[in-house]
């Protein structure tokens, strides 16, 4: 049982790390001479970055992605803290239902963020606010990590739902 518990803790920490990287790193949309995420756009050849502000088209969509990714990361961290607290507070045989619900909320938030970005990426990258042509890029590794984090948080949430505290 101790090995299973260690695996679940490592899996949860991995999910949180993926969420942090996907939220913070500047690689949701990349091209030959630029990289952009939900916070800023950087030119790789000049190392200059520009914040994405309300002068961009579809700024509301970017704000929705920002908010849901932040919520997802917060929910994942809170779920881990609650799991640790429940580990010592629950009686044997009780389920980690609260941890599961919060982790599934994290899963839902990251799914919403990645789905919005997937649906609106063409409009997001047609804005005149960019100083260079960014519509000819492709999805970057942070975007892929967001979808992987979705799968990890979903699996983790389901694991907590079926996990029973045993000796």
C-alpha atoms as a PDB file:
ATOM      1  CA  UNK A   1       0.000   0.000   0.000  1.00  0.00           C
ATOM      2  CA  UNK A   2       2.917   2.312   0.702  1.00  0.00           C
ATOM      3  CA  UNK A   3       4.165   1.915  -2.885  1.00  0.00           C
ATOM      4  CA  UNK A   4       0.704   2.750  -4.242  1.00  0.00           C
ATOM      5  CA  UNK A   5       0.559   5.826  -2.042  1.00  0.00           C
ATOM      6  CA  UNK A   6       4.008   6.944  -3.202  1.00  0.00           C
ATOM      7  CA  UNK A   7       2.953   6.448  -6.836  1.00  0.00           C
ATOM      8  CA  UNK A   8      -0.185   8.568  -6.325  1.00  0.00           C
ATOM      9  CA  UNK A   9       1.802  11.353  -4.683  1.00  0.00           C
ATOM     10  CA  UNK A  10       4.395  11.370  -7.479  1.00  0.00           C
ATOM     11  CA  UNK A  11       1.620  11.293 -10.096  1.00  0.00           C
ATOM     12  CA  UNK A  12      -0.121  14.263  -8.453  1.00  0.00           C
ATOM     13  CA  UNK A  13       3.095  16.272  -8.179  1.00  0.00           C
ATOM     14  CA  UNK A  14       3.815  15.514 -11.842  1.00  0.00           C
ATOM     15  CA  UNK A  15       0.354  16.798 -12.763  1.00  0.00           C
ATOM     16  CA  UNK A  16       0.961  20.003 -10.838  1.00  0.00           C
ATOM     17  CA  UNK A  17       4.369  20.475 -12.463  1.00  0.00           C
ATOM     18  CA  UNK A  18       2.854  20.015 -15.927  1.00  0.00           C
ATOM     19  CA  UNK A  19       0.195  22.594 -15.120  1.00  0.00           C
ATOM     20  CA  UNK A  20       2.784  25.090 -13.869  1.00  0.00           C
ATOM     21  CA  UNK A  21       4.940  24.651 -16.972  1.00  0.00           C
ATOM     22  CA  UNK A  22       1.990  24.879 -19.353  1.00  0.00           C
ATOM     23  CA  UNK A  23       0.697  28.011 -17.632  1.00  0.00           C
ATOM     24  CA  UNK A  24       3.982  29.873 -17.308  1.00  0.00           C
ATOM     25  CA  UNK A  25       6.166  28.850 -20.235  1.00  0.00           C
ATOM     26  CA  UNK A  26       6.089  30.809 -23.484  1.00  0.00           C
ATOM     27  CA  UNK A  27       5.416  28.066 -26.021  1.00  0.00           C
ATOM     28  CA  UNK A  28       1.700  27.679 -26.731  1.00  0.00           C
ATOM     29  CA  UNK A  29       2.160  28.834 -30.339  1.00  0.00           C
ATOM     30  CA  UNK A  30       5.592  28.818 -31.961  1.00  0.00           C
ATOM     31  CA  UNK A  31       7.104  29.729 -35.298  1.00  0.00           C
ATOM     32  CA  UNK A  32      10.528  30.151 -36.836  1.00  0.00           C
ATOM     33  CA  UNK A  33      11.245  33.512 -35.217  1.00  0.00           C
ATOM     34  CA  UNK A  34       8.627  33.873 -32.474  1.00  0.00           C
ATOM     35  CA  UNK A  35       6.939  32.127 -29.597  1.00  0.00           C
ATOM     36  CA  UNK A  36       3.735  33.151 -27.916  1.00  0.00           C
ATOM     37  CA  UNK A  37       1.622  32.005 -25.031  1.00  0.00           C
ATOM     38  CA  UNK A  38      -1.347  33.381 -23.156  1.00  0.00           C
ATOM     39  CA  UNK A  39       0.723  36.134 -21.499  1.00  0.00           C
ATOM     40  CA  UNK A  40       3.178  37.521 -24.046  1.00  0.00           C
ATOM     41  CA  UNK A  41       4.698  37.190 -27.508  1.00  0.00           C
ATOM     42  CA  UNK A  42       8.464  37.011 -27.899  1.00  0.00           C
ATOM     43  CA  UNK A  43      10.635  37.385 -30.968  1.00  0.00           C
ATOM     44  CA  UNK A  44      13.378  34.784 -30.734  1.00  0.00           C
ATOM     45  CA  UNK A  45      15.854  36.553 -32.999  1.00  0.00           C
ATOM     46  CA  UNK A  46      15.806  39.846 -31.033  1.00  0.00           C
ATOM     47  CA  UNK A  47      14.867  38.471 -27.595  1.00  0.00           C
ATOM     48  CA  UNK A  48      12.175  41.117 -27.155  1.00  0.00           C
ATOM     49  CA  UNK A  49       8.842  40.301 -25.579  1.00  0.00           C
ATOM     50  CA  UNK A  50       5.537  42.115 -25.751  1.00  0.00           C
ATOM     51  CA  UNK A  51       2.680  41.595 -23.300  1.00  0.00           C
ATOM     52  CA  UNK A  52      -0.682  40.602 -24.727  1.00  0.00           C
ATOM     53  CA  UNK A  53      -3.070  43.390 -23.746  1.00  0.00           C
ATOM     54  CA  UNK A  54      -6.586  44.507 -24.566  1.00  0.00           C
ATOM     55  CA  UNK A  55      -5.451  45.991 -27.898  1.00  0.00           C
ATOM     56  CA  UNK A  56      -5.333  42.452 -29.314  1.00  0.00           C
ATOM     57  CA  UNK A  57      -8.319  40.913 -31.054  1.00  0.00           C
ATOM     58  CA  UNK A  58      -9.934  38.126 -29.069  1.00  0.00           C
ATOM     59  CA  UNK A  59      -8.358  39.384 -25.827  1.00  0.00           C
ATOM     60  CA  UNK A  60     -11.370  38.055 -23.917  1.00  0.00           C
ATOM     61  CA  UNK A  61     -10.580  34.549 -25.144  1.00  0.00           C
ATOM     62  CA  UNK A  62      -6.977  34.893 -23.981  1.00  0.00           C
ATOM     63  CA  UNK A  63      -8.195  36.104 -20.591  1.00  0.00           C
ATOM     64  CA  UNK A  64     -10.483  33.083 -20.321  1.00  0.00           C
ATOM     65  CA  UNK A  65      -7.538  30.774 -21.066  1.00  0.00           C
ATOM     66  CA  UNK A  66      -5.380  32.621 -18.528  1.00  0.00           C
ATOM     67  CA  UNK A  67      -8.039  32.418 -15.816  1.00  0.00           C
ATOM     68  CA  UNK A  68      -8.863  28.757 -16.312  1.00  0.00           C
ATOM     69  CA  UNK A  69      -5.200  27.703 -16.422  1.00  0.00           C
ATOM     70  CA  UNK A  70      -4.529  29.584 -13.183  1.00  0.00           C
ATOM     71  CA  UNK A  71      -7.620  28.040 -11.579  1.00  0.00           C
ATOM     72  CA  UNK A  72      -6.545  24.607 -12.736  1.00  0.00           C
ATOM     73  CA  UNK A  73      -3.111  25.013 -11.174  1.00  0.00           C
ATOM     74  CA  UNK A  74      -4.587  26.322  -7.922  1.00  0.00           C
ATOM     75  CA  UNK A  75      -7.143  23.500  -7.750  1.00  0.00           C
ATOM     76  CA  UNK A  76      -4.419  20.916  -8.331  1.00  0.00           C
ATOM     77  CA  UNK A  77      -2.263  22.318  -5.519  1.00  0.00           C
ATOM     78  CA  UNK A  78      -5.240  22.597  -3.145  1.00  0.00           C
ATOM     79  CA  UNK A  79      -6.248  19.017  -3.967  1.00  0.00           C
ATOM     80  CA  UNK A  80      -2.757  17.847  -3.047  1.00  0.00           C
ATOM     81  CA  UNK A  81      -2.861  19.673   0.285  1.00  0.00           C
ATOM     82  CA  UNK A  82      -6.297  18.283   1.055  1.00  0.00           C
ATOM     83  CA  UNK A  83      -5.089  14.796   0.121  1.00  0.00           C
ATOM     84  CA  UNK A  84      -2.217  15.093   2.585  1.00  0.00           C
ATOM     85  CA  UNK A  85      -4.595  16.328   5.289  1.00  0.00           C
ATOM     86  CA  UNK A  86      -7.122  13.590   4.556  1.00  0.00           C
ATOM     87  CA  UNK A  87      -4.381  10.990   4.675  1.00  0.00           C
ATOM     88  CA  UNK A  88      -4.041  11.568   8.402  1.00  0.00           C
ATOM     89  CA  UNK A  89      -7.653  12.514   9.191  1.00  0.00           C
ATOM     90  CA  UNK A  90      -9.841   9.949   7.448  1.00  0.00           C
ATOM     91  CA  UNK A  91     -10.726   6.715   9.096  1.00  0.00           C
ATOM     92  CA  UNK A  92      -9.701   3.513   7.394  1.00  0.00           C
ATOM     93  CA  UNK A  93     -11.927   2.702   4.428  1.00  0.00           C
ATOM     94  CA  UNK A  94     -13.231   6.210   3.820  1.00  0.00           C
ATOM     95  CA  UNK A  95     -12.865   7.659   0.360  1.00  0.00           C
ATOM     96  CA  UNK A  96     -10.879  10.692  -0.708  1.00  0.00           C
ATOM     97  CA  UNK A  97     -14.000  12.237  -2.255  1.00  0.00           C
ATOM     98  CA  UNK A  98     -13.131  15.890  -1.566  1.00  0.00           C
ATOM     99  CA  UNK A  99      -9.666  15.463  -3.060  1.00  0.00           C
ATOM    100  CA  UNK A 100     -11.187  13.778  -6.093  1.00  0.00           C
ATOM    101  CA  UNK A 101     -13.758  16.529  -6.635  1.00  0.00           C
ATOM    102  CA  UNK A 102     -11.148  19.269  -6.464  1.00  0.00           C
ATOM    103  CA  UNK A 103      -8.787  17.364  -8.766  1.00  0.00           C
ATOM    104  CA  UNK A 104     -11.616  16.812 -11.258  1.00  0.00           C
ATOM    105  CA  UNK A 105     -12.341  20.570 -11.107  1.00  0.00           C
ATOM    106  CA  UNK A 106      -8.696  21.104 -12.011  1.00  0.00           C
ATOM    107  CA  UNK A 107      -9.151  18.696 -14.895  1.00  0.00           C
ATOM    108  CA  UNK A 108     -12.234  20.573 -16.071  1.00  0.00           C
ATOM    109  CA  UNK A 109     -10.450  23.940 -15.938  1.00  0.00           C
ATOM    110  CA  UNK A 110      -7.444  22.803 -17.959  1.00  0.00           C
ATOM    111  CA  UNK A 111      -9.765  21.169 -20.487  1.00  0.00           C
ATOM    112  CA  UNK A 112     -11.708  24.428 -20.860  1.00  0.00           C
ATOM    113  CA  UNK A 113      -8.499  26.446 -21.307  1.00  0.00           C
ATOM    114  CA  UNK A 114      -7.005  24.133 -23.919  1.00  0.00           C
ATOM    115  CA  UNK A 115     -10.339  23.835 -25.721  1.00  0.00           C
ATOM    116  CA  UNK A 116     -10.793  27.600 -25.934  1.00  0.00           C
ATOM    117  CA  UNK A 117      -7.258  27.997 -27.262  1.00  0.00           C
ATOM    118  CA  UNK A 118      -7.803  25.201 -29.769  1.00  0.00           C
ATOM    119  CA  UNK A 119     -11.061  26.686 -30.999  1.00  0.00           C
ATOM    120  CA  UNK A 120      -9.955  30.332 -31.146  1.00  0.00           C
ATOM    121  CA  UNK A 121      -6.296  29.994 -32.223  1.00  0.00           C
ATOM    122  CA  UNK A 122      -6.914  31.264 -35.754  1.00  0.00           C
ATOM    123  CA  UNK A 123      -8.638  34.421 -34.546  1.00  0.00           C
ATOM    124  CA  UNK A 124      -6.106  34.870 -31.742  1.00  0.00           C
ATOM    125  CA  UNK A 125      -3.179  34.987 -34.132  1.00  0.00           C
ATOM    126  CA  UNK A 126      -4.760  37.289 -36.744  1.00  0.00           C
ATOM    127  CA  UNK A 127      -4.542  40.330 -34.458  1.00  0.00           C
ATOM    128  CA  UNK A 128      -2.909  43.521 -35.674  1.00  0.00           C
ATOM    129  CA  UNK A 129      -1.393  43.950 -32.209  1.00  0.00           C
ATOM    130  CA  UNK A 130       1.397  41.530 -33.057  1.00  0.00           C
ATOM    131  CA  UNK A 131       4.466  43.136 -34.584  1.00  0.00           C
ATOM    132  CA  UNK A 132       5.130  40.142 -36.821  1.00  0.00           C
ATOM    133  CA  UNK A 133       3.211  37.488 -38.693  1.00  0.00           C
ATOM    134  CA  UNK A 134       2.307  34.834 -36.123  1.00  0.00           C
ATOM    135  CA  UNK A 135      -0.489  33.079 -37.994  1.00  0.00           C
ATOM    136  CA  UNK A 136       2.012  30.765 -39.719  1.00  0.00           C
ATOM    137  CA  UNK A 137       3.069  28.973 -36.548  1.00  0.00           C
ATOM    138  CA  UNK A 138       2.104  25.706 -34.935  1.00  0.00           C
ATOM    139  CA  UNK A 139       1.146  24.502 -31.494  1.00  0.00           C
ATOM    140  CA  UNK A 140       4.044  24.470 -29.070  1.00  0.00           C
ATOM    141  CA  UNK A 141       5.006  22.099 -26.310  1.00  0.00           C
ATOM    142  CA  UNK A 142       3.222  24.083 -23.580  1.00  0.00           C
ATOM    143  CA  UNK A 143      -0.049  23.549 -25.398  1.00  0.00           C
ATOM    144  CA  UNK A 144       0.687  19.826 -25.629  1.00  0.00           C
ATOM    145  CA  UNK A 145       1.628  19.776 -21.935  1.00  0.00           C
ATOM    146  CA  UNK A 146      -1.725  21.363 -21.107  1.00  0.00           C
ATOM    147  CA  UNK A 147      -3.525  18.467 -22.811  1.00  0.00           C
ATOM    148  CA  UNK A 148      -1.251  15.941 -21.096  1.00  0.00           C
ATOM    149  CA  UNK A 149      -1.971  17.660 -17.765  1.00  0.00           C
ATOM    150  CA  UNK A 150      -5.672  17.279 -18.557  1.00  0.00           C
ATOM    151  CA  UNK A 151      -5.230  13.524 -18.892  1.00  0.00           C
ATOM    152  CA  UNK A 152      -3.078  13.316 -15.762  1.00  0.00           C
ATOM    153  CA  UNK A 153      -5.520  15.302 -13.622  1.00  0.00           C
ATOM    154  CA  UNK A 154      -8.427  13.234 -14.926  1.00  0.00           C
ATOM    155  CA  UNK A 155      -6.667   9.967 -14.089  1.00  0.00           C
ATOM    156  CA  UNK A 156      -5.601  11.347 -10.728  1.00  0.00           C
ATOM    157  CA  UNK A 157      -9.137  12.495  -9.899  1.00  0.00           C
ATOM    158  CA  UNK A 158     -10.557   9.088 -10.763  1.00  0.00           C
ATOM    159  CA  UNK A 159      -7.802   7.361  -8.744  1.00  0.00           C
ATOM    160  CA  UNK A 160      -8.715   9.391  -5.676  1.00  0.00           C
ATOM    161  CA  UNK A 161     -12.364   8.543  -6.191  1.00  0.00           C
ATOM    162  CA  UNK A 162     -11.727   4.797  -6.068  1.00  0.00           C
ATOM    163  CA  UNK A 163      -8.869   4.892  -3.556  1.00  0.00           C
ATOM    164  CA  UNK A 164      -9.596   3.613  -0.096  1.00  0.00           C
ATOM    165  CA  UNK A 165      -7.308   4.209   2.813  1.00  0.00           C
ATOM    166  CA  UNK A 166      -5.824   0.879   3.835  1.00  0.00           C
ATOM    167  CA  UNK A 167      -3.116  -0.202   6.208  1.00  0.00           C
END
